[in-house]
N, C-alpha and C. Protein backbone atom coordinates (compact mmCIF):
# COMPACT_ATOMS: atom_id res chain seq x y z
N MET A 1 11.57 -70.24 15.52
CA MET A 1 12.99 -70.43 15.74
C MET A 1 13.64 -69.05 15.81
N ASP A 2 14.66 -68.94 16.58
CA ASP A 2 15.37 -67.68 16.76
C ASP A 2 16.02 -67.24 15.44
N ARG A 3 15.91 -65.95 15.11
CA ARG A 3 16.42 -65.44 13.85
C ARG A 3 17.94 -65.64 13.73
N ALA A 4 18.67 -65.55 14.82
CA ALA A 4 20.13 -65.74 14.78
C ALA A 4 20.47 -67.16 14.33
N ILE A 5 19.71 -68.13 14.79
CA ILE A 5 19.96 -69.51 14.38
C ILE A 5 19.65 -69.68 12.89
N LEU A 6 18.59 -69.03 12.40
CA LEU A 6 18.27 -69.09 10.98
C LEU A 6 19.38 -68.48 10.12
N ILE A 7 19.91 -67.37 10.59
CA ILE A 7 20.98 -66.70 9.84
C ILE A 7 22.22 -67.58 9.79
N ILE A 8 22.61 -68.11 10.94
CA ILE A 8 23.80 -68.97 10.99
C ILE A 8 23.59 -70.21 10.13
N THR A 9 22.40 -70.80 10.22
CA THR A 9 22.08 -71.98 9.42
C THR A 9 22.15 -71.67 7.93
N ALA A 10 21.65 -70.51 7.53
CA ALA A 10 21.68 -70.13 6.12
C ALA A 10 23.12 -70.00 5.61
N PHE A 11 23.99 -69.38 6.40
CA PHE A 11 25.38 -69.23 5.97
C PHE A 11 26.13 -70.55 5.98
N VAL A 12 25.85 -71.42 6.94
CA VAL A 12 26.48 -72.74 6.97
C VAL A 12 26.00 -73.56 5.76
N LEU A 13 24.71 -73.50 5.46
CA LEU A 13 24.19 -74.20 4.28
C LEU A 13 24.82 -73.66 3.00
N PHE A 14 24.99 -72.35 2.93
CA PHE A 14 25.64 -71.74 1.77
C PHE A 14 27.01 -72.38 1.54
N GLY A 15 27.84 -72.37 2.58
CA GLY A 15 29.19 -72.94 2.46
C GLY A 15 29.16 -74.42 2.12
N GLY A 16 28.28 -75.15 2.78
CA GLY A 16 28.19 -76.58 2.53
C GLY A 16 27.74 -76.90 1.12
N LEU A 17 26.76 -76.16 0.61
CA LEU A 17 26.27 -76.41 -0.74
C LEU A 17 27.31 -76.05 -1.80
N VAL A 18 28.07 -75.00 -1.57
CA VAL A 18 29.13 -74.64 -2.52
C VAL A 18 30.20 -75.73 -2.56
N VAL A 19 30.60 -76.22 -1.38
CA VAL A 19 31.59 -77.28 -1.33
C VAL A 19 31.03 -78.55 -1.97
N LEU A 20 29.77 -78.86 -1.70
CA LEU A 20 29.13 -80.04 -2.27
C LEU A 20 29.07 -79.96 -3.80
N GLU A 21 28.88 -78.75 -4.32
CA GLU A 21 28.85 -78.56 -5.78
C GLU A 21 30.16 -79.00 -6.41
N LEU A 22 31.26 -78.88 -5.69
CA LEU A 22 32.56 -79.29 -6.23
C LEU A 22 32.65 -80.80 -6.40
N PHE A 23 31.96 -81.54 -5.57
CA PHE A 23 32.08 -82.99 -5.59
C PHE A 23 30.93 -83.68 -6.31
N ILE A 24 29.79 -83.03 -6.41
CA ILE A 24 28.63 -83.60 -7.09
C ILE A 24 28.29 -82.69 -8.27
N PRO A 25 28.50 -83.16 -9.48
CA PRO A 25 28.19 -82.32 -10.64
C PRO A 25 26.68 -82.17 -10.83
N SER A 26 26.12 -81.07 -10.31
CA SER A 26 24.67 -80.84 -10.38
C SER A 26 24.30 -79.80 -11.43
N HIS A 27 25.26 -79.40 -12.23
CA HIS A 27 25.05 -78.42 -13.30
C HIS A 27 24.51 -77.10 -12.76
N GLY A 28 24.96 -76.72 -11.57
CA GLY A 28 24.61 -75.42 -11.02
C GLY A 28 23.41 -75.41 -10.09
N VAL A 29 22.69 -76.52 -9.94
CA VAL A 29 21.51 -76.54 -9.07
C VAL A 29 21.93 -76.28 -7.63
N LEU A 30 22.99 -76.94 -7.18
CA LEU A 30 23.46 -76.71 -5.81
C LEU A 30 23.99 -75.29 -5.64
N THR A 31 24.59 -74.73 -6.67
CA THR A 31 25.08 -73.36 -6.59
C THR A 31 23.91 -72.38 -6.45
N LEU A 32 22.84 -72.62 -7.19
CA LEU A 32 21.66 -71.76 -7.05
C LEU A 32 21.06 -71.86 -5.65
N ALA A 33 21.02 -73.07 -5.11
CA ALA A 33 20.52 -73.24 -3.75
C ALA A 33 21.43 -72.54 -2.75
N ALA A 34 22.74 -72.60 -2.98
CA ALA A 34 23.69 -71.92 -2.11
C ALA A 34 23.49 -70.41 -2.17
N MET A 35 23.30 -69.88 -3.36
CA MET A 35 23.09 -68.43 -3.50
C MET A 35 21.78 -68.02 -2.82
N ALA A 36 20.76 -68.86 -2.90
CA ALA A 36 19.49 -68.56 -2.23
C ALA A 36 19.70 -68.51 -0.71
N CYS A 37 20.50 -69.43 -0.18
CA CYS A 37 20.82 -69.41 1.25
C CYS A 37 21.58 -68.15 1.63
N LEU A 38 22.50 -67.74 0.78
CA LEU A 38 23.27 -66.53 1.04
C LEU A 38 22.36 -65.30 1.08
N VAL A 39 21.50 -65.18 0.08
CA VAL A 39 20.57 -64.04 0.03
C VAL A 39 19.63 -64.07 1.24
N TYR A 40 19.13 -65.26 1.58
CA TYR A 40 18.24 -65.40 2.73
C TYR A 40 18.95 -64.94 4.01
N GLY A 41 20.19 -65.36 4.17
CA GLY A 41 20.95 -64.95 5.35
C GLY A 41 21.18 -63.45 5.40
N LEU A 42 21.52 -62.85 4.26
CA LEU A 42 21.76 -61.40 4.22
C LEU A 42 20.48 -60.62 4.49
N VAL A 43 19.36 -61.06 3.91
CA VAL A 43 18.08 -60.37 4.14
C VAL A 43 17.71 -60.43 5.62
N ASN A 44 17.90 -61.58 6.23
CA ASN A 44 17.58 -61.70 7.65
C ASN A 44 18.51 -60.86 8.52
N CYS A 45 19.75 -60.69 8.10
CA CYS A 45 20.65 -59.80 8.83
C CYS A 45 20.13 -58.36 8.79
N PHE A 46 19.65 -57.93 7.64
CA PHE A 46 19.08 -56.58 7.53
C PHE A 46 17.80 -56.46 8.35
N LEU A 47 17.03 -57.53 8.47
CA LEU A 47 15.81 -57.48 9.27
C LEU A 47 16.12 -57.34 10.76
N VAL A 48 17.26 -57.90 11.18
CA VAL A 48 17.67 -57.75 12.58
C VAL A 48 18.09 -56.31 12.83
N SER A 49 18.98 -55.80 11.98
CA SER A 49 19.39 -54.40 12.09
C SER A 49 20.14 -54.01 10.82
N ALA A 50 19.99 -52.76 10.44
CA ALA A 50 20.66 -52.28 9.22
C ALA A 50 22.17 -52.36 9.38
N TRP A 51 22.65 -52.03 10.57
CA TRP A 51 24.09 -52.08 10.84
C TRP A 51 24.62 -53.50 10.66
N LEU A 52 23.94 -54.49 11.22
CA LEU A 52 24.36 -55.89 11.09
C LEU A 52 24.31 -56.30 9.61
N GLY A 53 23.27 -55.89 8.90
CA GLY A 53 23.17 -56.22 7.48
C GLY A 53 24.32 -55.68 6.67
N PHE A 54 24.71 -54.41 6.91
CA PHE A 54 25.83 -53.82 6.19
C PHE A 54 27.14 -54.50 6.53
N VAL A 55 27.36 -54.78 7.80
CA VAL A 55 28.61 -55.43 8.22
C VAL A 55 28.73 -56.82 7.59
N VAL A 56 27.66 -57.60 7.65
CA VAL A 56 27.69 -58.95 7.08
C VAL A 56 27.82 -58.89 5.56
N THR A 57 27.19 -57.91 4.92
CA THR A 57 27.32 -57.76 3.47
C THR A 57 28.76 -57.44 3.09
N ILE A 58 29.39 -56.53 3.83
CA ILE A 58 30.79 -56.17 3.54
C ILE A 58 31.70 -57.37 3.75
N ILE A 59 31.48 -58.11 4.84
CA ILE A 59 32.29 -59.32 5.09
C ILE A 59 32.08 -60.34 3.97
N THR A 60 30.83 -60.50 3.54
CA THR A 60 30.53 -61.45 2.46
C THR A 60 31.18 -61.04 1.15
N VAL A 61 31.07 -59.77 0.82
CA VAL A 61 31.67 -59.27 -0.43
C VAL A 61 33.19 -59.42 -0.39
N ALA A 62 33.80 -59.23 0.76
CA ALA A 62 35.26 -59.38 0.88
C ALA A 62 35.67 -60.85 0.88
N ALA A 63 34.88 -61.71 1.52
CA ALA A 63 35.26 -63.12 1.68
C ALA A 63 34.90 -63.97 0.47
N LEU A 64 33.87 -63.60 -0.26
CA LEU A 64 33.40 -64.43 -1.38
C LEU A 64 34.48 -64.64 -2.44
N PRO A 65 35.18 -63.61 -2.90
CA PRO A 65 36.23 -63.85 -3.90
C PRO A 65 37.35 -64.75 -3.36
N VAL A 66 37.71 -64.57 -2.10
CA VAL A 66 38.75 -65.41 -1.50
C VAL A 66 38.27 -66.86 -1.46
N PHE A 67 37.02 -67.05 -1.07
CA PHE A 67 36.42 -68.38 -1.00
C PHE A 67 36.38 -69.02 -2.39
N ILE A 68 36.00 -68.27 -3.40
CA ILE A 68 35.90 -68.79 -4.77
C ILE A 68 37.29 -69.16 -5.30
N VAL A 69 38.29 -68.30 -5.07
CA VAL A 69 39.64 -68.60 -5.52
C VAL A 69 40.18 -69.86 -4.84
N ALA A 70 39.91 -69.99 -3.55
CA ALA A 70 40.35 -71.19 -2.84
C ALA A 70 39.70 -72.44 -3.42
N LEU A 71 38.42 -72.37 -3.72
CA LEU A 71 37.73 -73.53 -4.28
C LEU A 71 38.22 -73.85 -5.69
N VAL A 72 38.52 -72.82 -6.47
CA VAL A 72 39.02 -73.06 -7.83
C VAL A 72 40.38 -73.74 -7.77
N ARG A 73 41.16 -73.43 -6.76
CA ARG A 73 42.47 -74.09 -6.63
C ARG A 73 42.32 -75.51 -6.09
N ILE A 74 41.31 -75.77 -5.29
CA ILE A 74 41.10 -77.10 -4.71
C ILE A 74 40.39 -78.02 -5.69
N TRP A 75 39.41 -77.50 -6.44
CA TRP A 75 38.55 -78.32 -7.29
C TRP A 75 39.29 -79.21 -8.28
N PRO A 76 40.31 -78.71 -9.00
CA PRO A 76 40.99 -79.60 -9.96
C PRO A 76 41.65 -80.81 -9.30
N ASN A 77 41.87 -80.78 -8.00
CA ASN A 77 42.50 -81.90 -7.30
C ASN A 77 41.48 -82.90 -6.73
N THR A 78 40.18 -82.63 -6.88
CA THR A 78 39.17 -83.57 -6.42
C THR A 78 38.99 -84.66 -7.46
N TRP A 79 38.31 -85.75 -7.09
CA TRP A 79 38.15 -86.87 -8.03
C TRP A 79 37.35 -86.44 -9.27
N ILE A 80 36.34 -85.62 -9.09
CA ILE A 80 35.56 -85.18 -10.24
C ILE A 80 36.34 -84.13 -11.03
N GLY A 81 37.09 -83.29 -10.34
CA GLY A 81 37.89 -82.26 -11.01
C GLY A 81 38.97 -82.87 -11.89
N ARG A 82 39.60 -83.95 -11.43
CA ARG A 82 40.63 -84.61 -12.24
C ARG A 82 40.04 -85.22 -13.50
N ARG A 83 38.77 -85.63 -13.44
CA ARG A 83 38.14 -86.23 -14.61
C ARG A 83 37.67 -85.17 -15.61
N ILE A 84 37.30 -84.00 -15.12
CA ILE A 84 36.69 -82.98 -15.98
C ILE A 84 37.71 -81.94 -16.44
N ALA A 85 38.59 -81.52 -15.55
CA ALA A 85 39.51 -80.42 -15.87
C ALA A 85 40.48 -80.82 -16.98
N ILE A 86 40.85 -79.87 -17.77
CA ILE A 86 41.79 -80.09 -18.86
C ILE A 86 43.18 -80.23 -18.27
N LYS A 87 43.90 -81.22 -18.76
CA LYS A 87 45.27 -81.45 -18.30
C LYS A 87 46.20 -80.40 -18.90
N LYS A 88 47.31 -80.17 -18.23
CA LYS A 88 48.29 -79.25 -18.77
C LYS A 88 48.91 -79.87 -20.02
N ALA A 89 49.19 -79.04 -20.99
CA ALA A 89 49.75 -79.51 -22.25
C ALA A 89 51.16 -80.05 -22.03
N GLU A 90 51.45 -81.16 -22.69
CA GLU A 90 52.80 -81.71 -22.63
C GLU A 90 53.58 -81.19 -23.82
N ARG A 91 54.79 -80.81 -23.57
CA ARG A 91 55.61 -80.29 -24.65
C ARG A 91 56.20 -81.45 -25.43
N ALA A 92 56.24 -81.29 -26.74
CA ALA A 92 56.80 -82.33 -27.60
C ALA A 92 58.31 -82.38 -27.43
N ALA A 93 58.86 -83.55 -27.65
CA ALA A 93 60.30 -83.72 -27.57
C ALA A 93 60.95 -82.90 -28.68
N PRO A 94 62.16 -82.38 -28.43
CA PRO A 94 62.84 -81.61 -29.48
C PRO A 94 62.98 -82.45 -30.74
N GLY A 95 62.65 -81.86 -31.88
CA GLY A 95 62.77 -82.56 -33.15
C GLY A 95 61.55 -83.38 -33.51
N ALA A 96 60.53 -83.44 -32.63
CA ALA A 96 59.35 -84.25 -32.90
C ALA A 96 58.32 -83.50 -33.73
N GLY A 97 58.49 -82.22 -33.91
CA GLY A 97 57.53 -81.42 -34.66
C GLY A 97 57.88 -81.38 -36.13
N ILE A 98 57.62 -80.25 -36.74
CA ILE A 98 57.91 -80.08 -38.16
C ILE A 98 59.43 -80.05 -38.34
N PRO A 99 59.94 -80.82 -39.30
CA PRO A 99 61.39 -80.85 -39.50
C PRO A 99 61.93 -79.49 -39.91
N ASP A 100 63.18 -79.28 -39.63
CA ASP A 100 63.86 -78.05 -40.00
C ASP A 100 63.91 -77.95 -41.53
N VAL A 101 63.45 -76.82 -42.06
CA VAL A 101 63.40 -76.65 -43.51
C VAL A 101 64.80 -76.77 -44.12
N GLY A 102 65.80 -76.26 -43.46
CA GLY A 102 67.18 -76.37 -43.97
C GLY A 102 67.61 -77.82 -44.09
N LYS A 103 67.18 -78.63 -43.14
CA LYS A 103 67.49 -80.06 -43.18
C LYS A 103 66.77 -80.74 -44.34
N LEU A 104 65.55 -80.31 -44.60
CA LEU A 104 64.77 -80.89 -45.69
C LEU A 104 65.38 -80.53 -47.05
N ASP A 105 65.88 -79.31 -47.19
CA ASP A 105 66.48 -78.89 -48.47
C ASP A 105 67.66 -79.78 -48.85
N LYS A 106 68.36 -80.31 -47.87
CA LYS A 106 69.52 -81.17 -48.13
C LYS A 106 69.12 -82.55 -48.62
N LEU A 107 67.82 -82.88 -48.55
CA LEU A 107 67.36 -84.19 -49.00
C LEU A 107 67.22 -84.31 -50.50
N VAL A 108 67.18 -83.18 -51.22
CA VAL A 108 66.98 -83.22 -52.68
C VAL A 108 68.08 -84.08 -53.31
N GLY A 109 67.62 -85.09 -54.09
CA GLY A 109 68.55 -86.01 -54.76
C GLY A 109 68.86 -87.26 -53.94
N GLN A 110 68.53 -87.28 -52.66
CA GLN A 110 68.82 -88.46 -51.84
C GLN A 110 67.82 -89.57 -52.09
N VAL A 111 68.27 -90.79 -51.84
CA VAL A 111 67.44 -91.96 -52.04
C VAL A 111 67.04 -92.50 -50.67
N GLY A 112 65.75 -92.86 -50.54
CA GLY A 112 65.24 -93.43 -49.30
C GLY A 112 64.33 -94.60 -49.59
N ARG A 113 63.80 -95.24 -48.53
CA ARG A 113 62.93 -96.39 -48.69
C ARG A 113 61.58 -96.07 -48.08
N ALA A 114 60.50 -96.30 -48.83
CA ALA A 114 59.14 -96.04 -48.34
C ALA A 114 58.82 -97.05 -47.24
N ILE A 115 58.45 -96.56 -46.06
CA ILE A 115 58.10 -97.47 -44.96
C ILE A 115 56.59 -97.60 -44.81
N THR A 116 55.84 -96.78 -45.56
CA THR A 116 54.39 -96.93 -45.68
C THR A 116 54.04 -96.73 -47.14
N ASP A 117 52.85 -97.13 -47.52
CA ASP A 117 52.39 -96.83 -48.88
C ASP A 117 52.24 -95.32 -49.01
N LEU A 118 52.70 -94.78 -50.13
CA LEU A 118 52.50 -93.36 -50.41
C LEU A 118 51.30 -93.26 -51.33
N ARG A 119 50.17 -92.75 -50.82
CA ARG A 119 48.91 -92.71 -51.60
C ARG A 119 48.31 -91.33 -51.60
N PRO A 120 48.79 -90.33 -51.96
CA PRO A 120 50.15 -90.05 -52.37
C PRO A 120 51.06 -89.67 -51.20
N VAL A 121 50.51 -89.58 -49.96
CA VAL A 121 51.34 -89.18 -48.82
C VAL A 121 51.67 -90.41 -48.00
N GLY A 122 52.92 -90.46 -47.53
CA GLY A 122 53.35 -91.57 -46.68
C GLY A 122 54.70 -91.25 -46.06
N ALA A 123 55.26 -92.23 -45.38
CA ALA A 123 56.53 -92.02 -44.68
C ALA A 123 57.66 -92.71 -45.42
N VAL A 124 58.82 -92.03 -45.43
CA VAL A 124 60.02 -92.55 -46.09
C VAL A 124 61.18 -92.43 -45.11
N MET A 125 62.02 -93.47 -45.07
CA MET A 125 63.22 -93.42 -44.22
C MET A 125 64.41 -92.97 -45.07
N PHE A 126 65.08 -91.93 -44.58
CA PHE A 126 66.33 -91.46 -45.17
C PHE A 126 67.38 -91.62 -44.09
N GLY A 127 68.14 -92.71 -44.16
CA GLY A 127 69.10 -93.01 -43.10
C GLY A 127 68.31 -93.36 -41.84
N SER A 128 68.46 -92.57 -40.78
CA SER A 128 67.72 -92.82 -39.54
C SER A 128 66.56 -91.85 -39.36
N ASP A 129 66.31 -91.01 -40.37
CA ASP A 129 65.23 -90.02 -40.27
C ASP A 129 63.98 -90.50 -40.99
N ARG A 130 62.86 -90.42 -40.30
CA ARG A 130 61.55 -90.75 -40.89
C ARG A 130 60.93 -89.43 -41.32
N ILE A 131 60.66 -89.27 -42.61
CA ILE A 131 60.14 -88.03 -43.16
C ILE A 131 58.83 -88.33 -43.89
N ASP A 132 57.81 -87.50 -43.66
CA ASP A 132 56.56 -87.62 -44.41
C ASP A 132 56.78 -87.00 -45.79
N CYS A 133 56.42 -87.77 -46.81
CA CYS A 133 56.67 -87.34 -48.17
C CYS A 133 55.41 -87.48 -49.00
N VAL A 134 55.43 -86.83 -50.20
CA VAL A 134 54.33 -86.88 -51.14
C VAL A 134 54.85 -87.47 -52.44
N ALA A 135 54.13 -88.45 -52.96
CA ALA A 135 54.51 -89.04 -54.25
C ALA A 135 54.21 -88.04 -55.36
N GLU A 136 55.12 -87.95 -56.32
CA GLU A 136 54.94 -87.01 -57.43
C GLU A 136 53.71 -87.38 -58.25
N THR A 137 53.57 -88.64 -58.56
CA THR A 137 52.39 -89.12 -59.29
C THR A 137 52.00 -90.49 -58.76
N GLY A 138 50.72 -90.78 -58.73
CA GLY A 138 50.22 -92.10 -58.38
C GLY A 138 50.56 -92.53 -56.97
N GLN A 139 50.67 -93.88 -56.83
CA GLN A 139 50.96 -94.47 -55.53
C GLN A 139 52.32 -95.17 -55.57
N ILE A 140 52.95 -95.22 -54.40
CA ILE A 140 54.22 -95.93 -54.27
C ILE A 140 54.04 -96.91 -53.13
N GLU A 141 54.39 -98.18 -53.37
CA GLU A 141 54.19 -99.22 -52.36
C GLU A 141 55.30 -99.21 -51.32
N THR A 142 55.00 -99.80 -50.16
CA THR A 142 55.96 -99.94 -49.06
C THR A 142 57.18 -100.72 -49.54
N GLY A 143 58.37 -100.29 -49.14
CA GLY A 143 59.61 -100.97 -49.48
C GLY A 143 60.26 -100.48 -50.76
N THR A 144 59.58 -99.65 -51.52
CA THR A 144 60.10 -99.14 -52.79
C THR A 144 61.14 -98.05 -52.52
N GLN A 145 62.22 -98.06 -53.32
CA GLN A 145 63.24 -97.02 -53.24
C GLN A 145 62.70 -95.77 -53.93
N VAL A 146 62.85 -94.60 -53.28
CA VAL A 146 62.37 -93.34 -53.83
C VAL A 146 63.49 -92.31 -53.79
N THR A 147 63.36 -91.31 -54.68
CA THR A 147 64.32 -90.21 -54.74
C THR A 147 63.58 -88.90 -54.52
N VAL A 148 64.17 -88.02 -53.72
CA VAL A 148 63.58 -86.70 -53.49
C VAL A 148 63.86 -85.85 -54.71
N ILE A 149 62.80 -85.33 -55.33
CA ILE A 149 62.99 -84.50 -56.52
C ILE A 149 62.88 -83.01 -56.22
N ARG A 150 62.12 -82.65 -55.17
CA ARG A 150 62.06 -81.24 -54.77
C ARG A 150 61.47 -81.12 -53.37
N VAL A 151 61.75 -79.98 -52.75
CA VAL A 151 61.21 -79.65 -51.42
C VAL A 151 60.50 -78.32 -51.56
N GLU A 152 59.22 -78.29 -51.15
CA GLU A 152 58.41 -77.07 -51.20
C GLU A 152 58.01 -76.71 -49.78
N GLY A 153 58.82 -75.91 -49.12
CA GLY A 153 58.56 -75.58 -47.71
C GLY A 153 58.85 -76.80 -46.85
N VAL A 154 57.80 -77.40 -46.29
CA VAL A 154 57.98 -78.63 -45.51
C VAL A 154 57.40 -79.83 -46.27
N ARG A 155 57.05 -79.63 -47.51
CA ARG A 155 56.50 -80.70 -48.35
C ARG A 155 57.64 -81.30 -49.18
N VAL A 156 57.90 -82.59 -48.94
CA VAL A 156 58.97 -83.30 -49.65
C VAL A 156 58.32 -84.15 -50.74
N VAL A 157 58.66 -83.88 -51.99
CA VAL A 157 58.09 -84.60 -53.12
C VAL A 157 59.09 -85.64 -53.59
N VAL A 158 58.60 -86.90 -53.70
CA VAL A 158 59.49 -88.00 -54.10
C VAL A 158 58.96 -88.68 -55.36
N ARG A 159 59.90 -89.38 -56.02
CA ARG A 159 59.57 -90.14 -57.24
C ARG A 159 60.14 -91.53 -57.05
N GLU A 160 59.42 -92.52 -57.57
CA GLU A 160 59.89 -93.90 -57.49
C GLU A 160 61.22 -94.03 -58.24
N GLU A 161 62.19 -94.70 -57.59
CA GLU A 161 63.51 -94.89 -58.17
C GLU A 161 63.38 -95.81 -59.39
N ALA A 162 63.97 -95.39 -60.50
CA ALA A 162 63.85 -96.17 -61.75
C ALA A 162 64.81 -97.33 -61.81
């Protein structure tokens, strides 16, 4: 077979195998085959002429990063990429994280109702606010009235209402 056809076939196989790797998770087997095709094509270019080998090598070195960046941008949008790629993080709604410490300090002395069992940690409703609290001693059952006795940073310590 004519060497030019072998060279063209090797480069076409290289591109095809790299694209195929994006859609078929082969754990790098197709990528290794693609790299073998690339090396085979470059070696054959040098066998034809040193000038052709250098020109094709320079074109390959310049085009390969562009090709890889394009594939990295396309891959997450493929069916396999959507299943494997990590999704972008969703930001929590304002106020959904750790409560404001200043707001917690104002709870000292307030009375709330346990909406879960406190064993010793559970949730307590203070008005319309649901706050995670720690029982001072033992367990507190759901529905029991509790009083905030102290706040330690973001830790709210409650005692069963007497």
